[in-house]
Amino acid sequence: MINPSDKRGSVGVIGSVGEDFYGQTYTDLLTQENIQPIFEKIIDNNTAICGVFCHGKDRGHVTDLGASTIISDEFVETNWEKFKGAQLVFTELFIIKHKKETVYKLAELGSQDEKIFGFNLPSYYFIETYLEDIKNLIEYADIIFVNAEESIFFAKMMGLETNDFGFISEFIAKFPKKNILKRRTVVITCGPNPAYCSEFDHIINEVCYTGTFEPLHVDEESIIDTNGAGDAFAGGFLSQYMPGKSIEDCMRAGHWAASLVIQRRGCQYPTECEFNKSS
């Protein structure tokens, strides 16, 4: 969804995989999409895999994180120049269990004026177990995505009994910030219901944007499975956020990507991106 003519549009993925079929498949698929795979190969360990079980059009996951949790400090250090050259540093937070120092190092890098640091708020287990670290990392964050259920759980862990997503998005956006020169944007996705977005300016200490956005309508019979919808939304949003498009454009792009992936089996995408033609 990043316009190929945009010189800032290069994307890379850094991590660790096993020396196995899945690691090679992952590498090949990323390369096909012009995404640079920067992978440390871990001998005698398997690439992370995820079993997806479906009931009707709902799904759940059973994950083996495998080699993804043991990327070495030496590999990160060797590739640090790639991080330093990035405009956006975006991470999953499950690695705080295994590589907390690396996450904080990325957060410090992303706090610089010319960079953006962001993440998805993690699952219940990680929110409950690593609440203090997550609160600390929010202070570094410029962009945060969270789904409805996990936002309610996070609010509960913070002592708030509410399912008012507008309130929760503003609450997270207002967290103290390491670099107040950059606004913080928080997006709560709610499946087929409207998503919420809030943006807070810590210089003037005000919510400078808040809104709800209806997802694109997809007929019930066209929905294959919802696997990957949240990550597709985040990717679509960021494809417009990084070039500086409006929040409305970013939300439209996120909903477009999510509506596309739920009409396909697993995380599959067409060769041609129709969004670029419609934008």
C-alpha atoms as a PDB file:
ATOM      1  CA  MET A   1       0.000   0.000   0.000  1.00  0.00           C
ATOM      2  CA  ILE A   2       3.028   2.281   0.088  1.00  0.00           C
ATOM      3  CA  ASN A   3       3.230   4.042  -3.260  1.00  0.00           C
ATOM      4  CA  PRO A   4       6.203   2.448  -5.078  1.00  0.00           C
ATOM      5  CA  SER A   5       7.204   5.863  -6.464  1.00  0.00           C
ATOM      6  CA  ASP A   6       7.678   7.204  -2.922  1.00  0.00           C
ATOM      7  CA  LYS A   7      11.417   7.115  -2.231  1.00  0.00           C
ATOM      8  CA  ARG A   8      10.687   6.825   1.483  1.00  0.00           C
ATOM      9  CA  GLY A   9       8.691   3.679   0.883  1.00  0.00           C
ATOM     10  CA  SER A  10      11.247   0.959   1.652  1.00  0.00           C
ATOM     11  CA  VAL A  11      10.278  -1.471   4.415  1.00  0.00           C
ATOM     12  CA  GLY A  12      12.304  -4.056   6.291  1.00  0.00           C
ATOM     13  CA  VAL A  13      11.582  -6.736   8.882  1.00  0.00           C
ATOM     14  CA  ILE A  14      14.227  -7.655  11.437  1.00  0.00           C
ATOM     15  CA  GLY A  15      14.040 -10.782  13.559  1.00  0.00           C
ATOM     16  CA  SER A  16      15.232 -14.342  13.979  1.00  0.00           C
ATOM     17  CA  VAL A  17      14.126 -17.549  12.259  1.00  0.00           C
ATOM     18  CA  GLY A  18      15.151 -21.185  12.243  1.00  0.00           C
ATOM     19  CA  GLU A  19      17.026 -22.866   9.447  1.00  0.00           C
ATOM     20  CA  ASP A  20      13.875 -24.565   8.175  1.00  0.00           C
ATOM     21  CA  PHE A  21      11.138 -24.504   5.564  1.00  0.00           C
ATOM     22  CA  TYR A  22       9.090 -21.838   7.337  1.00  0.00           C
ATOM     23  CA  GLY A  23      12.019 -19.474   7.705  1.00  0.00           C
ATOM     24  CA  GLN A  24      12.813 -19.767   3.998  1.00  0.00           C
ATOM     25  CA  THR A  25       9.143 -19.354   3.034  1.00  0.00           C
ATOM     26  CA  TYR A  26       8.887 -16.227   5.177  1.00  0.00           C
ATOM     27  CA  THR A  27      12.023 -14.820   3.556  1.00  0.00           C
ATOM     28  CA  ASP A  28      10.772 -15.589   0.040  1.00  0.00           C
ATOM     29  CA  LEU A  29       7.330 -14.060   0.598  1.00  0.00           C
ATOM     30  CA  LEU A  30       8.768 -10.845   2.055  1.00  0.00           C
ATOM     31  CA  THR A  31      11.210 -10.545  -0.824  1.00  0.00           C
ATOM     32  CA  GLN A  32       8.358 -10.921  -3.335  1.00  0.00           C
ATOM     33  CA  GLU A  33       6.683  -7.905  -1.695  1.00  0.00           C
ATOM     34  CA  ASN A  34       9.872  -5.814  -1.854  1.00  0.00           C
ATOM     35  CA  ILE A  35      10.192  -6.029   1.926  1.00  0.00           C
ATOM     36  CA  GLN A  36      13.763  -6.551   3.079  1.00  0.00           C
ATOM     37  CA  PRO A  37      14.136  -9.600   5.377  1.00  0.00           C
ATOM     38  CA  ILE A  38      16.906  -9.031   7.923  1.00  0.00           C
ATOM     39  CA  PHE A  39      16.933 -12.379   9.685  1.00  0.00           C
ATOM     40  CA  GLU A  40      19.314 -14.071  12.060  1.00  0.00           C
ATOM     41  CA  LYS A  41      19.164 -17.828  11.466  1.00  0.00           C
ATOM     42  CA  ILE A  42      19.094 -19.759  14.725  1.00  0.00           C
ATOM     43  CA  ILE A  43      20.523 -23.264  14.429  1.00  0.00           C
ATOM     44  CA  ASP A  44      18.625 -26.072  16.199  1.00  0.00           C
ATOM     45  CA  ASN A  45      15.473 -24.011  16.670  1.00  0.00           C
ATOM     46  CA  ASN A  46      12.320 -23.688  14.623  1.00  0.00           C
ATOM     47  CA  THR A  47      10.868 -20.603  13.001  1.00  0.00           C
ATOM     48  CA  ALA A  48       7.878 -19.250  14.925  1.00  0.00           C
ATOM     49  CA  ILE A  49       4.647 -20.843  13.728  1.00  0.00           C
ATOM     50  CA  CYS A  50       1.012 -20.250  14.553  1.00  0.00           C
ATOM     51  CA  GLY A  51      -1.824 -22.745  14.409  1.00  0.00           C
ATOM     52  CA  VAL A  52      -5.154 -21.086  13.631  1.00  0.00           C
ATOM     53  CA  PHE A  53      -8.398 -22.798  14.576  1.00  0.00           C
ATOM     54  CA  CYS A  54     -11.641 -21.546  13.068  1.00  0.00           C
ATOM     55  CA  HIS A  55     -15.229 -21.852  14.243  1.00  0.00           C
ATOM     56  CA  GLY A  56     -17.478 -20.465  11.573  1.00  0.00           C
ATOM     57  CA  LYS A  57     -15.844 -17.158  10.757  1.00  0.00           C
ATOM     58  CA  ASP A  58     -14.221 -16.650  14.151  1.00  0.00           C
ATOM     59  CA  ARG A  59     -10.697 -17.821  14.894  1.00  0.00           C
ATOM     60  CA  GLY A  60      -8.185 -18.348  17.655  1.00  0.00           C
ATOM     61  CA  HIS A  61      -4.434 -18.891  17.739  1.00  0.00           C
ATOM     62  CA  VAL A  62      -1.987 -21.331  19.284  1.00  0.00           C
ATOM     63  CA  THR A  63       1.518 -19.979  18.805  1.00  0.00           C
ATOM     64  CA  ASP A  64       5.006 -21.414  19.121  1.00  0.00           C
ATOM     65  CA  LEU A  65       7.313 -18.382  19.217  1.00  0.00           C
ATOM     66  CA  GLY A  66      10.334 -20.582  18.498  1.00  0.00           C
ATOM     67  CA  ALA A  67      13.414 -18.750  17.289  1.00  0.00           C
ATOM     68  CA  SER A  68      11.704 -15.354  17.294  1.00  0.00           C
ATOM     69  CA  THR A  69      12.428 -14.884  20.994  1.00  0.00           C
ATOM     70  CA  ILE A  70      16.186 -15.498  20.860  1.00  0.00           C
ATOM     71  CA  ILE A  71      17.524 -12.941  18.424  1.00  0.00           C
ATOM     72  CA  SER A  72      21.021 -12.185  19.687  1.00  0.00           C
ATOM     73  CA  ASP A  73      22.280  -8.859  20.978  1.00  0.00           C
ATOM     74  CA  GLU A  74      25.201  -9.206  18.564  1.00  0.00           C
ATOM     75  CA  PHE A  75      22.854  -9.454  15.562  1.00  0.00           C
ATOM     76  CA  VAL A  76      20.880  -6.400  16.673  1.00  0.00           C
ATOM     77  CA  GLU A  77      24.111  -4.459  17.169  1.00  0.00           C
ATOM     78  CA  THR A  78      25.434  -5.526  13.760  1.00  0.00           C
ATOM     79  CA  ASN A  79      22.266  -4.210  12.106  1.00  0.00           C
ATOM     80  CA  TRP A  80      21.851  -1.134  14.285  1.00  0.00           C
ATOM     81  CA  GLU A  81      22.683   1.219  11.410  1.00  0.00           C
ATOM     82  CA  LYS A  82      19.539  -0.028   9.634  1.00  0.00           C
ATOM     83  CA  PHE A  83      17.471   0.982  12.660  1.00  0.00           C
ATOM     84  CA  LYS A  84      19.193   4.360  12.841  1.00  0.00           C
ATOM     85  CA  GLY A  85      18.247   5.022   9.235  1.00  0.00           C
ATOM     86  CA  ALA A  86      14.580   4.151   9.724  1.00  0.00           C
ATOM     87  CA  GLN A  87      11.833   6.757   9.851  1.00  0.00           C
ATOM     88  CA  LEU A  88       9.474   4.374  11.683  1.00  0.00           C
ATOM     89  CA  VAL A  89      10.395   1.721  14.249  1.00  0.00           C
ATOM     90  CA  PHE A  90       7.384  -0.517  14.910  1.00  0.00           C
ATOM     91  CA  THR A  91       7.470  -3.602  17.118  1.00  0.00           C
ATOM     92  CA  GLU A  92       5.325  -6.273  18.691  1.00  0.00           C
ATOM     93  CA  LEU A  93       5.612  -6.229  22.480  1.00  0.00           C
ATOM     94  CA  PHE A  94       5.715  -9.979  23.152  1.00  0.00           C
ATOM     95  CA  ILE A  95       9.511  -9.756  23.012  1.00  0.00           C
ATOM     96  CA  ILE A  96       9.609  -7.802  26.291  1.00  0.00           C
ATOM     97  CA  LYS A  97       9.479 -11.232  27.979  1.00  0.00           C
ATOM     98  CA  HIS A  98      12.752 -12.256  26.348  1.00  0.00           C
ATOM     99  CA  LYS A  99      14.498  -9.123  25.057  1.00  0.00           C
ATOM    100  CA  LYS A 100      13.362  -6.260  27.258  1.00  0.00           C
ATOM    101  CA  GLU A 101      16.619  -4.331  26.882  1.00  0.00           C
ATOM    102  CA  THR A 102      16.303  -4.429  23.089  1.00  0.00           C
ATOM    103  CA  VAL A 103      12.755  -3.049  23.212  1.00  0.00           C
ATOM    104  CA  TYR A 104      13.847  -0.150  25.397  1.00  0.00           C
ATOM    105  CA  LYS A 105      16.808   0.494  23.106  1.00  0.00           C
ATOM    106  CA  LEU A 106      14.408   0.693  20.140  1.00  0.00           C
ATOM    107  CA  ALA A 107      12.100   2.959  22.153  1.00  0.00           C
ATOM    108  CA  GLU A 108      14.956   5.336  22.960  1.00  0.00           C
ATOM    109  CA  LEU A 109      15.918   5.461  19.293  1.00  0.00           C
ATOM    110  CA  GLY A 110      12.319   6.084  18.267  1.00  0.00           C
ATOM    111  CA  SER A 111      11.975   8.962  20.712  1.00  0.00           C
ATOM    112  CA  GLN A 112      14.203  11.150  18.536  1.00  0.00           C
ATOM    113  CA  ASP A 113      12.497  14.106  16.872  1.00  0.00           C
ATOM    114  CA  GLU A 114      12.750  12.792  13.305  1.00  0.00           C
ATOM    115  CA  LYS A 115      11.573   9.249  14.086  1.00  0.00           C
ATOM    116  CA  ILE A 116       8.303   7.526  14.934  1.00  0.00           C
ATOM    117  CA  PHE A 117       8.040   4.726  17.488  1.00  0.00           C
ATOM    118  CA  GLY A 118       4.972   2.532  17.709  1.00  0.00           C
ATOM    119  CA  PHE A 119       3.549  -0.848  18.671  1.00  0.00           C
ATOM    120  CA  ASN A 120       0.434  -2.938  19.125  1.00  0.00           C
ATOM    121  CA  LEU A 121      -0.751  -3.268  22.716  1.00  0.00           C
ATOM    122  CA  PRO A 122      -0.257  -6.993  23.490  1.00  0.00           C
ATOM    123  CA  SER A 123      -2.543  -9.735  24.773  1.00  0.00           C
ATOM    124  CA  TYR A 124      -4.080 -10.054  28.243  1.00  0.00           C
ATOM    125  CA  TYR A 125      -1.182 -12.159  29.565  1.00  0.00           C
ATOM    126  CA  PHE A 126       1.442  -9.588  28.591  1.00  0.00           C
ATOM    127  CA  ILE A 127      -0.627  -6.622  29.782  1.00  0.00           C
ATOM    128  CA  GLU A 128      -1.121  -8.234  33.175  1.00  0.00           C
ATOM    129  CA  THR A 129       2.405  -9.616  33.558  1.00  0.00           C
ATOM    130  CA  TYR A 130       4.380  -6.676  32.158  1.00  0.00           C
ATOM    131  CA  LEU A 131       2.066  -3.787  33.011  1.00  0.00           C
ATOM    132  CA  GLU A 132       4.792  -1.518  34.382  1.00  0.00           C
ATOM    133  CA  ASP A 133       7.003  -2.013  31.334  1.00  0.00           C
ATOM    134  CA  ILE A 134       4.074  -1.391  28.998  1.00  0.00           C
ATOM    135  CA  LYS A 135       3.199   1.815  30.851  1.00  0.00           C
ATOM    136  CA  ASN A 136       6.827   2.922  30.529  1.00  0.00           C
ATOM    137  CA  LEU A 137       6.927   2.087  26.819  1.00  0.00           C
ATOM    138  CA  ILE A 138       3.720   4.008  26.169  1.00  0.00           C
ATOM    139  CA  GLU A 139       5.638   7.107  27.250  1.00  0.00           C
ATOM    140  CA  TYR A 140       7.958   6.591  24.262  1.00  0.00           C
ATOM    141  CA  ALA A 141       5.193   5.758  21.794  1.00  0.00           C
ATOM    142  CA  ASP A 142       3.979   8.040  19.012  1.00  0.00           C
ATOM    143  CA  ILE A 143       1.443   5.578  17.561  1.00  0.00           C
ATOM    144  CA  ILE A 144      -0.378   2.739  19.372  1.00  0.00           C
ATOM    145  CA  PHE A 145      -2.920   0.244  18.053  1.00  0.00           C
ATOM    146  CA  VAL A 146      -5.116  -1.863  20.315  1.00  0.00           C
ATOM    147  CA  ASN A 147      -8.238  -3.945  19.754  1.00  0.00           C
ATOM    148  CA  ALA A 148     -11.447  -3.439  21.695  1.00  0.00           C
ATOM    149  CA  GLU A 149     -11.126  -6.293  24.183  1.00  0.00           C
ATOM    150  CA  GLU A 150      -7.512  -5.580  25.045  1.00  0.00           C
ATOM    151  CA  SER A 151      -8.213  -1.870  25.463  1.00  0.00           C
ATOM    152  CA  ILE A 152     -10.938  -2.668  28.024  1.00  0.00           C
ATOM    153  CA  PHE A 153      -8.582  -5.043  29.851  1.00  0.00           C
ATOM    154  CA  PHE A 154      -5.783  -2.457  29.902  1.00  0.00           C
ATOM    155  CA  ALA A 155      -8.199   0.160  31.256  1.00  0.00           C
ATOM    156  CA  LYS A 156      -9.276  -2.302  33.951  1.00  0.00           C
ATOM    157  CA  MET A 157      -5.651  -2.912  34.917  1.00  0.00           C
ATOM    158  CA  MET A 158      -5.343   0.857  35.264  1.00  0.00           C
ATOM    159  CA  GLY A 159      -8.337   0.935  37.620  1.00  0.00           C
ATOM    160  CA  LEU A 160     -10.915   2.043  35.052  1.00  0.00           C
ATOM    161  CA  GLU A 161     -14.117   0.010  34.682  1.00  0.00           C
ATOM    162  CA  THR A 162     -15.317   1.251  31.303  1.00  0.00           C
ATOM    163  CA  ASN A 163     -15.992   0.137  27.769  1.00  0.00           C
ATOM    164  CA  ASP A 164     -16.159   3.701  26.440  1.00  0.00           C
ATOM    165  CA  PHE A 165     -13.593   3.383  23.661  1.00  0.00           C
ATOM    166  CA  GLY A 166     -13.464   7.106  23.018  1.00  0.00           C
ATOM    167  CA  PHE A 167     -12.551   7.673  26.658  1.00  0.00           C
ATOM    168  CA  ILE A 168      -9.983   4.836  26.665  1.00  0.00           C
ATOM    169  CA  SER A 169      -8.297   6.074  23.489  1.00  0.00           C
ATOM    170  CA  GLU A 170      -7.959   9.568  24.964  1.00  0.00           C
ATOM    171  CA  PHE A 171      -6.785   8.125  28.295  1.00  0.00           C
ATOM    172  CA  ILE A 172      -3.918   6.251  26.598  1.00  0.00           C
ATOM    173  CA  ALA A 173      -3.102   9.190  24.334  1.00  0.00           C
ATOM    174  CA  LYS A 174      -2.712  11.434  27.403  1.00  0.00           C
ATOM    175  CA  PHE A 175      -0.043   9.250  29.043  1.00  0.00           C
ATOM    176  CA  PRO A 176       3.126  11.222  29.834  1.00  0.00           C
ATOM    177  CA  LYS A 177       5.507  11.437  26.870  1.00  0.00           C
ATOM    178  CA  LYS A 178       9.291  11.360  26.676  1.00  0.00           C
ATOM    179  CA  ASN A 179       9.374  13.624  23.614  1.00  0.00           C
ATOM    180  CA  ILE A 180       6.532  16.120  23.799  1.00  0.00           C
ATOM    181  CA  LEU A 181       7.445  17.607  20.408  1.00  0.00           C
ATOM    182  CA  LYS A 182       5.601  14.709  18.748  1.00  0.00           C
ATOM    183  CA  ARG A 183       1.911  14.038  19.215  1.00  0.00           C
ATOM    184  CA  ARG A 184       0.688  10.604  20.287  1.00  0.00           C
ATOM    185  CA  THR A 185      -1.991   8.863  18.217  1.00  0.00           C
ATOM    186  CA  VAL A 186      -4.027   5.953  19.623  1.00  0.00           C
ATOM    187  CA  VAL A 187      -6.326   3.772  17.529  1.00  0.00           C
ATOM    188  CA  ILE A 188      -8.801   1.240  18.951  1.00  0.00           C
ATOM    189  CA  THR A 189     -10.201  -1.203  16.392  1.00  0.00           C
ATOM    190  CA  CYS A 190     -13.583  -2.768  17.105  1.00  0.00           C
ATOM    191  CA  GLY A 191     -14.119  -5.366  14.392  1.00  0.00           C
ATOM    192  CA  PRO A 192     -17.322  -4.636  12.448  1.00  0.00           C
ATOM    193  CA  ASN A 193     -18.089  -1.647  14.693  1.00  0.00           C
ATOM    194  CA  PRO A 194     -16.627   1.863  14.361  1.00  0.00           C
ATOM    195  CA  ALA A 195     -12.951   2.309  15.241  1.00  0.00           C
ATOM    196  CA  TYR A 196     -11.816   5.114  17.533  1.00  0.00           C
ATOM    197  CA  CYS A 197      -8.861   7.431  17.098  1.00  0.00           C
ATOM    198  CA  SER A 198      -7.491  10.070  19.454  1.00  0.00           C
ATOM    199  CA  GLU A 199      -4.445  12.320  19.131  1.00  0.00           C
ATOM    200  CA  PHE A 200      -2.924  14.280  22.010  1.00  0.00           C
ATOM    201  CA  ASP A 201      -0.583  17.252  21.881  1.00  0.00           C
ATOM    202  CA  HIS A 202       1.569  17.296  25.021  1.00  0.00           C
ATOM    203  CA  ILE A 203       2.897  20.794  24.332  1.00  0.00           C
ATOM    204  CA  ILE A 204      -0.510  22.444  24.626  1.00  0.00           C
ATOM    205  CA  ASN A 205      -1.838  19.608  26.839  1.00  0.00           C
ATOM    206  CA  GLU A 206      -4.950  19.101  24.722  1.00  0.00           C
ATOM    207  CA  VAL A 207      -6.697  16.390  22.728  1.00  0.00           C
ATOM    208  CA  CYS A 208      -6.233  17.780  19.234  1.00  0.00           C
ATOM    209  CA  TYR A 209      -8.165  15.095  17.417  1.00  0.00           C
ATOM    210  CA  THR A 210     -10.812  12.539  18.284  1.00  0.00           C
ATOM    211  CA  GLY A 211     -13.165  10.667  16.006  1.00  0.00           C
ATOM    212  CA  THR A 212     -14.912   7.427  15.100  1.00  0.00           C
ATOM    213  CA  PHE A 213     -14.706   5.707  11.757  1.00  0.00           C
ATOM    214  CA  GLU A 214     -17.072   3.148  10.289  1.00  0.00           C
ATOM    215  CA  PRO A 215     -15.361   0.134   8.686  1.00  0.00           C
ATOM    216  CA  LEU A 216     -16.059  -0.682   5.077  1.00  0.00           C
ATOM    217  CA  HIS A 217     -19.124  -2.890   4.732  1.00  0.00           C
ATOM    218  CA  VAL A 218     -18.400  -6.483   3.776  1.00  0.00           C
ATOM    219  CA  ASP A 219     -21.320  -8.825   3.140  1.00  0.00           C
ATOM    220  CA  GLU A 220     -21.481 -11.671   5.659  1.00  0.00           C
ATOM    221  CA  GLU A 221     -21.181 -14.300   2.950  1.00  0.00           C
ATOM    222  CA  SER A 222     -18.001 -12.642   1.635  1.00  0.00           C
ATOM    223  CA  ILE A 223     -16.122 -12.966   4.947  1.00  0.00           C
ATOM    224  CA  ILE A 224     -13.787 -15.987   4.807  1.00  0.00           C
ATOM    225  CA  ASP A 225     -11.926 -15.555   8.099  1.00  0.00           C
ATOM    226  CA  THR A 226     -10.726 -12.646  10.210  1.00  0.00           C
ATOM    227  CA  ASN A 227      -7.149 -13.859  10.659  1.00  0.00           C
ATOM    228  CA  GLY A 228      -4.742 -10.953  10.202  1.00  0.00           C
ATOM    229  CA  ALA A 229      -7.393  -8.221  10.198  1.00  0.00           C
ATOM    230  CA  GLY A 230      -5.824  -6.225  13.032  1.00  0.00           C
ATOM    231  CA  ASP A 231      -2.305  -6.321  11.600  1.00  0.00           C
ATOM    232  CA  ALA A 232      -3.688  -5.487   8.143  1.00  0.00           C
ATOM    233  CA  PHE A 233      -5.419  -2.448   9.642  1.00  0.00           C
ATOM    234  CA  ALA A 234      -2.197  -1.271  11.303  1.00  0.00           C
ATOM    235  CA  GLY A 235      -0.218  -1.744   8.089  1.00  0.00           C
ATOM    236  CA  GLY A 236      -2.789   0.106   6.019  1.00  0.00           C
ATOM    237  CA  PHE A 237      -2.946   2.959   8.514  1.00  0.00           C
ATOM    238  CA  LEU A 238       0.838   3.306   8.665  1.00  0.00           C
ATOM    239  CA  SER A 239       1.164   3.291   4.868  1.00  0.00           C
ATOM    240  CA  GLN A 240      -0.587   6.677   4.880  1.00  0.00           C
ATOM    241  CA  TYR A 241       0.559   7.901   8.288  1.00  0.00           C
ATOM    242  CA  MET A 242       4.241   7.919   7.394  1.00  0.00           C
ATOM    243  CA  PRO A 243       3.857  10.191   4.318  1.00  0.00           C
ATOM    244  CA  GLY A 244       1.887  12.594   6.536  1.00  0.00           C
ATOM    245  CA  LYS A 245      -1.642  11.991   5.269  1.00  0.00           C
ATOM    246  CA  SER A 246      -4.649  13.067   7.349  1.00  0.00           C
ATOM    247  CA  ILE A 247      -6.058  10.879  10.117  1.00  0.00           C
ATOM    248  CA  GLU A 248      -9.137  10.374   7.944  1.00  0.00           C
ATOM    249  CA  ASP A 249      -6.987   9.030   5.101  1.00  0.00           C
ATOM    250  CA  CYS A 250      -5.060   6.792   7.506  1.00  0.00           C
ATOM    251  CA  MET A 251      -8.249   5.318   8.984  1.00  0.00           C
ATOM    252  CA  ARG A 252      -9.717   4.781   5.520  1.00  0.00           C
ATOM    253  CA  ALA A 253      -6.566   2.926   4.486  1.00  0.00           C
ATOM    254  CA  GLY A 254      -6.617   0.777   7.627  1.00  0.00           C
ATOM    255  CA  HIS A 255     -10.233  -0.217   7.137  1.00  0.00           C
ATOM    256  CA  TRP A 256      -9.592  -0.928   3.447  1.00  0.00           C
ATOM    257  CA  ALA A 257      -6.728  -3.319   4.244  1.00  0.00           C
ATOM    258  CA  ALA A 258      -8.701  -5.092   6.972  1.00  0.00           C
ATOM    259  CA  SER A 259     -11.750  -5.495   4.718  1.00  0.00           C
ATOM    260  CA  LEU A 260      -9.515  -7.023   2.054  1.00  0.00           C
ATOM    261  CA  VAL A 261      -7.841  -9.643   4.244  1.00  0.00           C
ATOM    262  CA  ILE A 262     -11.057 -10.930   5.855  1.00  0.00           C
ATOM    263  CA  GLN A 263     -12.309 -11.888   2.409  1.00  0.00           C
ATOM    264  CA  ARG A 264      -9.342 -14.242   1.888  1.00  0.00           C
ATOM    265  CA  ARG A 265      -8.124 -17.433   3.489  1.00  0.00           C
ATOM    266  CA  GLY A 266      -5.358 -16.522   5.910  1.00  0.00           C
ATOM    267  CA  CYS A 267      -3.062 -13.536   5.320  1.00  0.00           C
ATOM    268  CA  GLN A 268      -3.186 -13.418   1.534  1.00  0.00           C
ATOM    269  CA  TYR A 269      -3.077 -10.308  -0.621  1.00  0.00           C
ATOM    270  CA  PRO A 270      -3.548  -9.680  -4.331  1.00  0.00           C
ATOM    271  CA  THR A 271      -0.542  -8.898  -6.520  1.00  0.00           C
ATOM    272  CA  GLU A 272      -1.947  -5.505  -7.476  1.00  0.00           C
ATOM    273  CA  CYS A 273      -2.963  -3.034  -4.770  1.00  0.00           C
ATOM    274  CA  GLU A 274      -6.297  -1.512  -5.744  1.00  0.00           C
ATOM    275  CA  PHE A 275      -6.072   1.004  -2.883  1.00  0.00           C
ATOM    276  CA  ASN A 276      -3.420   2.982  -4.750  1.00  0.00           C
ATOM    277  CA  LYS A 277      -5.780   3.269  -7.694  1.00  0.00           C
ATOM    278  CA  SER A 278      -8.654   4.483  -5.539  1.00  0.00           C
ATOM    279  CA  SER A 279      -6.700   7.002  -3.465  1.00  0.00           C
END
